[in-house]
Amino acid sequence: MNKHVKWTIFSLLVLFSTYGNQVFSQQTYKVASDPEMKVSGTSTLHDWDMISTEANGTASLRISAGKVTAIQSFKITMPVKSLKSGKGPMDKNAYNALKEEDHPEITFNMLEAHQDGGNDWKVSGRLQLAGNTQTVSFLLKILTEGESISLSGSADVKLTDFKVDPPTAVFGTIKTGDEMTINIKMKLNPIN
C-alpha cells in the first residue's frame, strides 16, 4: 500500500471521528414545557375532551442527517388530575373512574418503535391507567426542529381493557362510551 493511499485512509478516519457525531448521534431528550395531551371520547349526551398541559418524560433518540432514525427509549408520566374538561362534575367522575386516589399518574413506557416511512412512526409500549397496564400503539409524526424534536400523534384505547367502568352521570342516564382517543403533541429538548 503506497503512502498516498495510507494517508487518504488516515485522513478519512480522522474526518469521520471528528465530524461523525454531527452526522450520526444519540441524544437524551426531555419533555419541554406546555405539552398537550388530550383524551377524547363520546357519551350518550355529547362528545367530550379532557386536556392536560402537564407531563414529564425522557426519550433517547438517534439522529442522522437531521432526522430521527431510531428511538431507544421513551417514557412519559402525566398526573391524572391535570386532565381538565372545563366541567367540574365531569372531571370528578373521571378521576373516580380512573381511581386517581390510588393511582395518581398515567404512564407510558415504550417497548419498541418502527419507522413507518418518512417521519411517521409506530411506537408501542405499556400504558398504565387506573393501576392496570396494557400494550398500546401510538402512531406518531416525529420531526427535528433545530436541536428540538416535535412529536404528535394518537392512540385508540378502550376503558374496559384497563378494567375501568365508563363513567356515568345523572343517576346513570348519561353514560360515557368505552372507546377513547389519546392525542399527544409536544416538544422534546436535548438534555445537556
N, C-alpha and C. Protein backbone atom coordinates (compact mmCIF):
# COMPACT_ATOMS: atom_id res chain seq x y z
N MET A 1 0.86 -1.17 0.00
CA MET A 1 0.00 0.00 0.00
C MET A 1 0.91 1.24 0.00
N ASN A 2 0.72 2.10 -0.97
CA ASN A 2 1.61 3.26 -1.04
C ASN A 2 1.22 4.33 -0.01
N LYS A 3 2.12 5.29 0.16
CA LYS A 3 1.93 6.32 1.17
C LYS A 3 0.69 7.16 0.90
N HIS A 4 0.37 7.40 -0.36
CA HIS A 4 -0.79 8.23 -0.70
C HIS A 4 -2.09 7.56 -0.25
N VAL A 5 -2.22 6.26 -0.47
CA VAL A 5 -3.43 5.52 -0.06
C VAL A 5 -3.53 5.49 1.47
N LYS A 6 -2.39 5.23 2.14
CA LYS A 6 -2.39 5.21 3.60
C LYS A 6 -2.81 6.58 4.16
N TRP A 7 -2.28 7.64 3.57
CA TRP A 7 -2.61 9.00 4.02
C TRP A 7 -4.10 9.29 3.81
N THR A 8 -4.67 8.86 2.70
CA THR A 8 -6.09 9.07 2.40
C THR A 8 -6.96 8.34 3.43
N ILE A 9 -6.62 7.09 3.72
CA ILE A 9 -7.39 6.32 4.70
C ILE A 9 -7.30 6.97 6.08
N PHE A 10 -6.09 7.36 6.47
CA PHE A 10 -5.90 8.02 7.76
C PHE A 10 -6.73 9.32 7.83
N SER A 11 -6.70 10.10 6.75
CA SER A 11 -7.45 11.36 6.72
C SER A 11 -8.94 11.12 6.86
N LEU A 12 -9.47 10.09 6.18
CA LEU A 12 -10.89 9.76 6.26
C LEU A 12 -11.29 9.34 7.68
N LEU A 13 -10.42 8.56 8.33
CA LEU A 13 -10.71 8.12 9.70
C LEU A 13 -10.74 9.31 10.65
N VAL A 14 -9.80 10.22 10.51
CA VAL A 14 -9.77 11.41 11.36
C VAL A 14 -11.01 12.26 11.10
N LEU A 15 -11.36 12.43 9.83
CA LEU A 15 -12.52 13.23 9.46
C LEU A 15 -13.79 12.64 10.04
N PHE A 16 -13.96 11.30 9.93
CA PHE A 16 -15.16 10.65 10.45
C PHE A 16 -15.24 10.76 11.97
N SER A 17 -14.09 10.55 12.65
CA SER A 17 -14.11 10.61 14.11
C SER A 17 -14.36 12.02 14.61
N THR A 18 -13.95 13.03 13.83
CA THR A 18 -14.14 14.42 14.23
C THR A 18 -15.56 14.89 13.97
N TYR A 19 -16.10 14.55 12.80
CA TYR A 19 -17.41 15.08 12.41
C TYR A 19 -18.53 14.04 12.44
N GLY A 20 -18.20 12.80 12.76
CA GLY A 20 -19.21 11.74 12.74
C GLY A 20 -20.38 12.00 13.65
N ASN A 21 -20.10 12.61 14.82
CA ASN A 21 -21.20 12.87 15.76
C ASN A 21 -22.21 13.87 15.22
N GLN A 22 -21.80 14.72 14.28
CA GLN A 22 -22.75 15.67 13.71
C GLN A 22 -23.67 14.97 12.71
N VAL A 23 -23.20 13.90 12.12
CA VAL A 23 -23.99 13.19 11.12
C VAL A 23 -24.86 12.12 11.79
N PHE A 24 -24.31 11.49 12.81
CA PHE A 24 -24.97 10.34 13.43
C PHE A 24 -24.74 10.43 14.94
N SER A 25 -25.78 10.75 15.71
CA SER A 25 -25.58 10.88 17.14
C SER A 25 -26.80 10.38 17.90
N GLN A 26 -26.53 9.97 19.13
CA GLN A 26 -27.61 9.55 20.02
C GLN A 26 -27.70 10.58 21.12
N GLN A 27 -28.92 10.98 21.46
CA GLN A 27 -29.11 12.08 22.41
C GLN A 27 -30.29 11.75 23.32
N THR A 28 -30.19 12.19 24.57
CA THR A 28 -31.30 12.07 25.50
C THR A 28 -32.06 13.39 25.54
N TYR A 29 -33.38 13.29 25.50
CA TYR A 29 -34.26 14.47 25.46
C TYR A 29 -35.22 14.41 26.63
N LYS A 30 -35.77 15.59 26.99
CA LYS A 30 -36.83 15.64 28.00
C LYS A 30 -38.02 16.40 27.42
N VAL A 31 -39.19 16.12 27.97
CA VAL A 31 -40.41 16.79 27.53
C VAL A 31 -40.31 18.27 27.89
N ALA A 32 -40.52 19.14 26.89
CA ALA A 32 -40.47 20.59 27.10
C ALA A 32 -41.73 21.06 27.81
N SER A 33 -41.74 22.33 28.22
CA SER A 33 -42.92 22.87 28.90
C SER A 33 -44.11 22.95 27.94
N ASP A 34 -45.30 22.96 28.51
CA ASP A 34 -46.56 23.07 27.78
C ASP A 34 -46.83 21.95 26.77
N PRO A 35 -46.65 20.69 27.17
CA PRO A 35 -47.09 19.62 26.27
C PRO A 35 -48.61 19.59 26.26
N GLU A 36 -49.21 19.05 25.21
CA GLU A 36 -50.66 18.91 25.20
C GLU A 36 -51.00 17.44 25.05
N MET A 37 -51.78 16.93 26.01
CA MET A 37 -52.28 15.57 25.95
C MET A 37 -53.79 15.66 26.07
N LYS A 38 -54.48 15.19 25.05
CA LYS A 38 -55.94 15.30 25.02
C LYS A 38 -56.56 13.91 24.95
N VAL A 39 -57.51 13.69 25.83
CA VAL A 39 -58.28 12.44 25.83
C VAL A 39 -59.68 12.79 25.33
N SER A 40 -60.11 12.11 24.27
CA SER A 40 -61.42 12.41 23.65
C SER A 40 -62.28 11.16 23.65
N GLY A 41 -63.57 11.39 23.84
CA GLY A 41 -64.50 10.26 23.82
C GLY A 41 -65.92 10.71 23.52
N THR A 42 -66.83 9.79 23.73
CA THR A 42 -68.24 10.05 23.45
C THR A 42 -69.06 9.75 24.71
N SER A 43 -70.29 10.23 24.68
CA SER A 43 -71.25 9.85 25.72
C SER A 43 -72.63 9.83 25.08
N THR A 44 -73.61 9.39 25.85
CA THR A 44 -74.98 9.37 25.32
C THR A 44 -75.52 10.78 25.13
N LEU A 45 -74.85 11.80 25.71
CA LEU A 45 -75.29 13.18 25.58
C LEU A 45 -74.49 13.96 24.54
N HIS A 46 -73.17 13.86 24.60
CA HIS A 46 -72.31 14.61 23.67
C HIS A 46 -70.89 14.06 23.69
N ASP A 47 -70.10 14.43 22.67
CA ASP A 47 -68.67 14.10 22.67
C ASP A 47 -67.97 14.97 23.71
N TRP A 48 -66.81 14.52 24.19
CA TRP A 48 -66.11 15.26 25.23
C TRP A 48 -64.60 15.19 25.02
N ASP A 49 -63.91 16.18 25.60
CA ASP A 49 -62.45 16.23 25.61
C ASP A 49 -61.98 16.58 27.01
N MET A 50 -60.88 15.98 27.41
CA MET A 50 -60.18 16.39 28.63
C MET A 50 -58.74 16.66 28.22
N ILE A 51 -58.20 17.81 28.63
CA ILE A 51 -56.88 18.22 28.17
C ILE A 51 -55.95 18.43 29.35
N SER A 52 -54.72 17.95 29.20
CA SER A 52 -53.67 18.19 30.19
C SER A 52 -52.51 18.92 29.51
N THR A 53 -51.92 19.86 30.24
CA THR A 53 -50.70 20.52 29.75
C THR A 53 -49.55 20.26 30.72
N GLU A 54 -49.64 19.13 31.42
CA GLU A 54 -48.59 18.74 32.36
C GLU A 54 -48.13 17.33 32.04
N ALA A 55 -46.83 17.17 31.82
CA ALA A 55 -46.26 15.85 31.61
C ALA A 55 -44.75 15.93 31.82
N ASN A 56 -44.19 14.84 32.29
CA ASN A 56 -42.75 14.71 32.41
C ASN A 56 -42.34 13.46 31.67
N GLY A 57 -41.14 13.49 31.11
CA GLY A 57 -40.68 12.29 30.43
C GLY A 57 -39.34 12.50 29.75
N THR A 58 -38.77 11.39 29.32
CA THR A 58 -37.49 11.42 28.61
C THR A 58 -37.54 10.47 27.43
N ALA A 59 -36.67 10.72 26.47
CA ALA A 59 -36.54 9.86 25.30
C ALA A 59 -35.08 9.81 24.90
N SER A 60 -34.65 8.66 24.43
CA SER A 60 -33.31 8.51 23.88
C SER A 60 -33.47 8.23 22.38
N LEU A 61 -32.98 9.15 21.57
CA LEU A 61 -33.18 9.09 20.11
C LEU A 61 -31.84 9.10 19.39
N ARG A 62 -31.82 8.45 18.25
CA ARG A 62 -30.66 8.51 17.37
C ARG A 62 -31.02 9.41 16.19
N ILE A 63 -30.16 10.39 15.94
CA ILE A 63 -30.37 11.36 14.87
C ILE A 63 -29.30 11.16 13.80
N SER A 64 -29.71 11.15 12.55
CA SER A 64 -28.77 11.06 11.44
C SER A 64 -29.22 12.00 10.34
N ALA A 65 -28.33 12.87 9.90
CA ALA A 65 -28.61 13.82 8.82
C ALA A 65 -29.90 14.61 9.08
N GLY A 66 -30.10 15.03 10.34
CA GLY A 66 -31.24 15.87 10.67
C GLY A 66 -32.56 15.14 10.81
N LYS A 67 -32.54 13.79 10.87
CA LYS A 67 -33.78 13.02 11.02
C LYS A 67 -33.63 12.00 12.14
N VAL A 68 -34.73 11.71 12.80
CA VAL A 68 -34.74 10.65 13.80
C VAL A 68 -34.69 9.32 13.07
N THR A 69 -33.68 8.51 13.39
CA THR A 69 -33.53 7.21 12.72
C THR A 69 -33.77 6.03 13.66
N ALA A 70 -33.76 6.29 14.97
CA ALA A 70 -34.04 5.21 15.93
C ALA A 70 -34.51 5.83 17.24
N ILE A 71 -35.40 5.12 17.91
CA ILE A 71 -35.87 5.51 19.24
C ILE A 71 -35.50 4.37 20.19
N GLN A 72 -34.53 4.64 21.07
CA GLN A 72 -34.10 3.60 22.01
C GLN A 72 -35.04 3.50 23.20
N SER A 73 -35.56 4.65 23.67
CA SER A 73 -36.46 4.63 24.82
C SER A 73 -37.34 5.87 24.79
N PHE A 74 -38.51 5.74 25.39
CA PHE A 74 -39.43 6.88 25.53
C PHE A 74 -40.35 6.57 26.69
N LYS A 75 -40.32 7.42 27.71
CA LYS A 75 -41.18 7.22 28.87
C LYS A 75 -41.80 8.56 29.23
N ILE A 76 -43.09 8.54 29.53
CA ILE A 76 -43.80 9.78 29.86
C ILE A 76 -44.77 9.51 31.01
N THR A 77 -44.92 10.51 31.87
CA THR A 77 -45.82 10.43 33.03
C THR A 77 -46.69 11.67 33.07
N MET A 78 -47.99 11.47 33.35
CA MET A 78 -48.92 12.60 33.41
C MET A 78 -49.81 12.44 34.65
N PRO A 79 -49.96 13.50 35.46
CA PRO A 79 -50.87 13.41 36.61
C PRO A 79 -52.33 13.31 36.14
N VAL A 80 -53.07 12.39 36.71
CA VAL A 80 -54.48 12.22 36.34
C VAL A 80 -55.24 13.53 36.55
N LYS A 81 -54.99 14.21 37.67
CA LYS A 81 -55.74 15.44 37.99
C LYS A 81 -55.36 16.62 37.11
N SER A 82 -54.36 16.47 36.23
CA SER A 82 -54.06 17.55 35.29
C SER A 82 -55.02 17.53 34.10
N LEU A 83 -55.77 16.44 33.93
CA LEU A 83 -56.78 16.37 32.86
C LEU A 83 -57.98 17.22 33.26
N LYS A 84 -58.35 18.16 32.39
CA LYS A 84 -59.47 19.06 32.69
C LYS A 84 -60.42 19.12 31.49
N SER A 85 -61.71 19.08 31.79
CA SER A 85 -62.74 19.19 30.74
C SER A 85 -63.37 20.57 30.71
N GLY A 86 -63.16 21.34 31.79
CA GLY A 86 -63.86 22.61 31.93
C GLY A 86 -65.18 22.44 32.66
N LYS A 87 -65.51 21.19 33.01
CA LYS A 87 -66.74 20.90 33.75
C LYS A 87 -66.36 20.12 35.01
N GLY A 88 -66.47 20.77 36.16
CA GLY A 88 -66.05 20.17 37.42
C GLY A 88 -66.64 18.81 37.73
N PRO A 89 -67.98 18.63 37.61
CA PRO A 89 -68.56 17.31 37.90
C PRO A 89 -68.03 16.20 36.99
N MET A 90 -67.83 16.52 35.71
CA MET A 90 -67.29 15.52 34.78
C MET A 90 -65.87 15.14 35.18
N ASP A 91 -65.06 16.14 35.56
CA ASP A 91 -63.69 15.86 35.98
C ASP A 91 -63.69 14.93 37.20
N LYS A 92 -64.55 15.24 38.17
CA LYS A 92 -64.62 14.43 39.39
C LYS A 92 -65.00 12.99 39.07
N ASN A 93 -65.99 12.80 38.18
CA ASN A 93 -66.39 11.45 37.77
C ASN A 93 -65.24 10.71 37.09
N ALA A 94 -64.51 11.44 36.24
CA ALA A 94 -63.37 10.83 35.54
C ALA A 94 -62.28 10.42 36.52
N TYR A 95 -61.95 11.29 37.48
CA TYR A 95 -60.91 10.95 38.46
C TYR A 95 -61.31 9.74 39.29
N ASN A 96 -62.59 9.66 39.65
CA ASN A 96 -63.07 8.50 40.40
C ASN A 96 -62.96 7.22 39.57
N ALA A 97 -63.37 7.31 38.30
CA ALA A 97 -63.31 6.14 37.42
C ALA A 97 -61.87 5.67 37.21
N LEU A 98 -60.94 6.63 37.15
CA LEU A 98 -59.52 6.29 36.94
C LEU A 98 -58.79 5.97 38.24
N LYS A 99 -59.54 5.92 39.35
CA LYS A 99 -59.00 5.56 40.67
C LYS A 99 -57.80 6.44 41.02
N GLU A 100 -58.00 7.74 40.85
CA GLU A 100 -56.91 8.71 41.00
C GLU A 100 -56.28 8.68 42.39
N GLU A 101 -57.07 8.46 43.42
CA GLU A 101 -56.51 8.48 44.78
C GLU A 101 -55.46 7.39 44.96
N ASP A 102 -55.69 6.22 44.38
CA ASP A 102 -54.73 5.11 44.49
C ASP A 102 -53.68 5.13 43.37
N HIS A 103 -54.04 5.68 42.22
CA HIS A 103 -53.15 5.68 41.05
C HIS A 103 -53.14 7.08 40.43
N PRO A 104 -52.38 8.01 41.04
CA PRO A 104 -52.45 9.42 40.63
C PRO A 104 -51.78 9.76 39.30
N GLU A 105 -51.10 8.79 38.68
CA GLU A 105 -50.41 9.08 37.42
C GLU A 105 -50.77 8.10 36.32
N ILE A 106 -50.75 8.59 35.10
CA ILE A 106 -50.85 7.76 33.90
C ILE A 106 -49.45 7.71 33.31
N THR A 107 -48.96 6.51 33.00
CA THR A 107 -47.60 6.39 32.46
C THR A 107 -47.59 5.59 31.16
N PHE A 108 -46.63 5.93 30.31
CA PHE A 108 -46.39 5.17 29.08
C PHE A 108 -44.90 4.90 29.01
N ASN A 109 -44.55 3.62 28.81
CA ASN A 109 -43.15 3.20 28.73
C ASN A 109 -42.97 2.39 27.45
N MET A 110 -42.20 2.95 26.51
CA MET A 110 -42.05 2.33 25.19
C MET A 110 -41.38 0.95 25.27
N LEU A 111 -41.89 0.03 24.45
CA LEU A 111 -41.27 -1.28 24.28
C LEU A 111 -40.52 -1.36 22.95
N GLU A 112 -41.14 -0.85 21.87
CA GLU A 112 -40.49 -0.87 20.56
C GLU A 112 -41.04 0.24 19.68
N ALA A 113 -40.22 0.61 18.68
CA ALA A 113 -40.61 1.67 17.75
C ALA A 113 -40.17 1.28 16.35
N HIS A 114 -41.06 1.48 15.39
CA HIS A 114 -40.76 1.17 13.99
C HIS A 114 -41.09 2.37 13.12
N GLN A 115 -40.14 2.70 12.26
CA GLN A 115 -40.39 3.79 11.32
C GLN A 115 -41.36 3.29 10.26
N ASP A 116 -42.36 4.11 10.00
CA ASP A 116 -43.44 3.73 9.09
C ASP A 116 -43.34 4.52 7.79
N GLY A 117 -42.12 4.90 7.44
CA GLY A 117 -41.91 5.70 6.24
C GLY A 117 -41.80 7.17 6.57
N GLY A 118 -40.73 7.82 6.10
CA GLY A 118 -40.54 9.25 6.32
C GLY A 118 -40.44 9.58 7.79
N ASN A 119 -41.30 10.48 8.26
CA ASN A 119 -41.30 10.92 9.66
C ASN A 119 -42.37 10.23 10.50
N ASP A 120 -43.03 9.22 9.94
CA ASP A 120 -44.10 8.51 10.64
C ASP A 120 -43.52 7.30 11.39
N TRP A 121 -44.00 7.13 12.61
CA TRP A 121 -43.53 6.05 13.47
C TRP A 121 -44.71 5.34 14.13
N LYS A 122 -44.52 4.05 14.40
CA LYS A 122 -45.45 3.29 15.24
C LYS A 122 -44.68 2.96 16.51
N VAL A 123 -45.12 3.52 17.62
CA VAL A 123 -44.43 3.35 18.90
C VAL A 123 -45.35 2.58 19.84
N SER A 124 -44.94 1.38 20.21
CA SER A 124 -45.74 0.52 21.08
C SER A 124 -45.12 0.48 22.47
N GLY A 125 -45.96 0.45 23.48
CA GLY A 125 -45.45 0.41 24.84
C GLY A 125 -46.52 0.06 25.83
N ARG A 126 -46.14 0.09 27.10
CA ARG A 126 -47.03 -0.27 28.19
C ARG A 126 -47.66 0.99 28.76
N LEU A 127 -48.98 1.10 28.59
CA LEU A 127 -49.74 2.22 29.14
C LEU A 127 -50.36 1.77 30.45
N GLN A 128 -50.06 2.51 31.53
CA GLN A 128 -50.64 2.19 32.83
C GLN A 128 -51.69 3.23 33.16
N LEU A 129 -52.90 2.73 33.42
CA LEU A 129 -54.07 3.58 33.64
C LEU A 129 -54.90 2.94 34.74
N ALA A 130 -55.20 3.68 35.78
CA ALA A 130 -56.03 3.18 36.88
C ALA A 130 -55.46 1.90 37.50
N GLY A 131 -54.14 1.79 37.52
CA GLY A 131 -53.49 0.63 38.13
C GLY A 131 -53.40 -0.59 37.25
N ASN A 132 -53.88 -0.51 36.02
CA ASN A 132 -53.81 -1.63 35.08
C ASN A 132 -52.95 -1.25 33.88
N THR A 133 -52.25 -2.24 33.34
CA THR A 133 -51.31 -1.97 32.26
C THR A 133 -51.67 -2.79 31.03
N GLN A 134 -51.66 -2.12 29.87
CA GLN A 134 -51.93 -2.78 28.59
C GLN A 134 -50.93 -2.25 27.55
N THR A 135 -50.65 -3.07 26.54
CA THR A 135 -49.81 -2.63 25.44
C THR A 135 -50.66 -1.80 24.47
N VAL A 136 -50.17 -0.61 24.16
CA VAL A 136 -50.88 0.35 23.30
C VAL A 136 -49.91 0.85 22.25
N SER A 137 -50.40 1.07 21.02
CA SER A 137 -49.56 1.59 19.94
C SER A 137 -49.99 3.00 19.57
N PHE A 138 -49.03 3.92 19.60
CA PHE A 138 -49.24 5.29 19.14
C PHE A 138 -48.71 5.42 17.72
N LEU A 139 -49.47 6.08 16.87
CA LEU A 139 -48.99 6.46 15.54
C LEU A 139 -48.52 7.90 15.65
N LEU A 140 -47.23 8.12 15.45
CA LEU A 140 -46.63 9.43 15.71
C LEU A 140 -45.94 10.00 14.48
N LYS A 141 -45.94 11.32 14.41
CA LYS A 141 -45.11 12.05 13.44
C LYS A 141 -44.01 12.72 14.25
N ILE A 142 -42.75 12.45 13.90
CA ILE A 142 -41.61 12.95 14.65
C ILE A 142 -40.71 13.74 13.72
N LEU A 143 -40.53 15.03 14.04
CA LEU A 143 -39.74 15.93 13.20
C LEU A 143 -38.66 16.61 14.03
N THR A 144 -37.51 16.88 13.41
CA THR A 144 -36.49 17.68 14.08
C THR A 144 -36.76 19.15 13.77
N GLU A 145 -36.60 19.98 14.81
CA GLU A 145 -36.76 21.43 14.67
C GLU A 145 -35.56 22.07 15.37
N GLY A 146 -34.49 22.29 14.61
CA GLY A 146 -33.25 22.75 15.23
C GLY A 146 -32.71 21.65 16.12
N GLU A 147 -32.46 21.99 17.39
CA GLU A 147 -31.99 20.97 18.34
C GLU A 147 -33.14 20.22 19.00
N SER A 148 -34.36 20.71 18.82
CA SER A 148 -35.53 20.09 19.46
C SER A 148 -36.19 19.07 18.54
N ILE A 149 -37.05 18.27 19.13
CA ILE A 149 -37.83 17.27 18.41
C ILE A 149 -39.31 17.60 18.61
N SER A 150 -40.08 17.61 17.53
CA SER A 150 -41.52 17.82 17.59
C SER A 150 -42.20 16.46 17.42
N LEU A 151 -43.15 16.17 18.29
CA LEU A 151 -43.78 14.85 18.31
C LEU A 151 -45.29 15.04 18.42
N SER A 152 -46.05 14.39 17.54
CA SER A 152 -47.51 14.45 17.62
C SER A 152 -48.11 13.16 17.10
N GLY A 153 -49.27 12.79 17.65
CA GLY A 153 -49.93 11.58 17.19
C GLY A 153 -51.00 11.12 18.15
N SER A 154 -51.48 9.88 17.95
CA SER A 154 -52.60 9.41 18.75
C SER A 154 -52.62 7.90 18.90
N ALA A 155 -53.41 7.46 19.85
CA ALA A 155 -53.67 6.03 20.07
C ALA A 155 -55.12 5.87 20.49
N ASP A 156 -55.75 4.79 20.07
CA ASP A 156 -57.11 4.47 20.48
C ASP A 156 -57.08 3.40 21.55
N VAL A 157 -57.84 3.60 22.61
CA VAL A 157 -57.89 2.63 23.71
C VAL A 157 -59.33 2.43 24.15
N LYS A 158 -59.55 1.34 24.89
CA LYS A 158 -60.85 1.07 25.50
C LYS A 158 -60.69 1.10 27.01
N LEU A 159 -61.59 1.81 27.68
CA LEU A 159 -61.54 1.89 29.13
C LEU A 159 -61.63 0.50 29.77
N THR A 160 -62.49 -0.35 29.23
CA THR A 160 -62.69 -1.67 29.84
C THR A 160 -61.44 -2.55 29.73
N ASP A 161 -60.55 -2.27 28.77
CA ASP A 161 -59.29 -3.02 28.69
C ASP A 161 -58.43 -2.77 29.94
N PHE A 162 -58.66 -1.63 30.58
CA PHE A 162 -57.93 -1.28 31.80
C PHE A 162 -58.78 -1.50 33.05
N LYS A 163 -59.86 -2.28 32.89
CA LYS A 163 -60.78 -2.59 33.98
C LYS A 163 -61.39 -1.33 34.58
N VAL A 164 -61.63 -0.34 33.70
CA VAL A 164 -62.28 0.91 34.11
C VAL A 164 -63.71 0.90 33.57
N ASP A 165 -64.68 1.06 34.48
CA ASP A 165 -66.07 1.18 34.05
C ASP A 165 -66.28 2.58 33.49
N PRO A 166 -66.80 2.70 32.26
CA PRO A 166 -67.05 4.04 31.71
C PRO A 166 -67.92 4.85 32.66
N PRO A 167 -67.49 6.09 32.99
CA PRO A 167 -68.24 6.91 33.97
C PRO A 167 -69.67 7.20 33.53
N THR A 168 -70.53 7.36 34.54
CA THR A 168 -71.93 7.73 34.28
C THR A 168 -72.25 9.00 35.09
N ALA A 169 -73.35 9.64 34.70
CA ALA A 169 -73.80 10.84 35.41
C ALA A 169 -75.33 10.87 35.42
N VAL A 170 -75.88 11.75 36.22
CA VAL A 170 -77.33 11.94 36.37
C VAL A 170 -78.02 10.58 36.58
N PHE A 171 -77.60 9.91 37.66
CA PHE A 171 -78.20 8.62 38.05
C PHE A 171 -78.14 7.58 36.94
N GLY A 172 -77.05 7.60 36.18
CA GLY A 172 -76.85 6.58 35.15
C GLY A 172 -77.50 6.87 33.82
N THR A 173 -78.20 8.00 33.70
CA THR A 173 -78.88 8.30 32.43
C THR A 173 -77.90 8.78 31.35
N ILE A 174 -76.75 9.32 31.77
CA ILE A 174 -75.71 9.72 30.80
C ILE A 174 -74.52 8.78 31.02
N LYS A 175 -74.12 8.12 29.95
CA LYS A 175 -73.03 7.14 30.06
C LYS A 175 -71.94 7.46 29.05
N THR A 176 -70.71 7.38 29.51
CA THR A 176 -69.54 7.60 28.65
C THR A 176 -69.31 6.35 27.81
N GLY A 177 -68.89 6.55 26.55
CA GLY A 177 -68.55 5.42 25.70
C GLY A 177 -67.27 4.74 26.16
N ASP A 178 -67.09 3.49 25.78
CA ASP A 178 -65.93 2.70 26.19
C ASP A 178 -64.65 3.15 25.46
N GLU A 179 -64.80 3.56 24.21
CA GLU A 179 -63.62 3.88 23.40
C GLU A 179 -63.23 5.34 23.56
N MET A 180 -61.93 5.58 23.62
CA MET A 180 -61.44 6.95 23.66
C MET A 180 -60.13 7.04 22.88
N THR A 181 -59.78 8.26 22.49
CA THR A 181 -58.55 8.52 21.75
C THR A 181 -57.65 9.41 22.58
N ILE A 182 -56.39 9.02 22.67
CA ILE A 182 -55.39 9.83 23.36
C ILE A 182 -54.55 10.52 22.29
N ASN A 183 -54.58 11.85 22.26
CA ASN A 183 -53.76 12.64 21.34
C ASN A 183 -52.65 13.32 22.12
N ILE A 184 -51.44 13.27 21.56
CA ILE A 184 -50.33 13.97 22.21
C ILE A 184 -49.65 14.90 21.22
N LYS A 185 -49.20 16.02 21.75
CA LYS A 185 -48.47 17.00 20.94
C LYS A 185 -47.47 17.67 21.87
N MET A 186 -46.19 17.51 21.57
CA MET A 186 -45.18 18.05 22.48
C MET A 186 -43.85 18.25 21.78
N LYS A 187 -42.99 18.99 22.46
CA LYS A 187 -41.62 19.15 22.01
C LYS A 187 -40.70 18.46 22.99
N LEU A 188 -39.60 17.93 22.49
CA LEU A 188 -38.57 17.34 23.32
C LEU A 188 -37.31 18.18 23.14
N ASN A 189 -36.71 18.57 24.25
CA ASN A 189 -35.48 19.34 24.21
C ASN A 189 -34.31 18.50 24.68
N PRO A 190 -33.13 18.67 24.07
CA PRO A 190 -31.98 17.87 24.48
C PRO A 190 -31.56 18.16 25.91
N ILE A 191 -31.14 17.11 26.60
CA ILE A 191 -30.58 17.26 27.95
C ILE A 191 -29.08 17.42 27.77
N ASN A 192 -28.55 18.54 28.20
CA ASN A 192 -27.10 18.80 28.02
C ASN A 192 -26.30 18.20 29.16
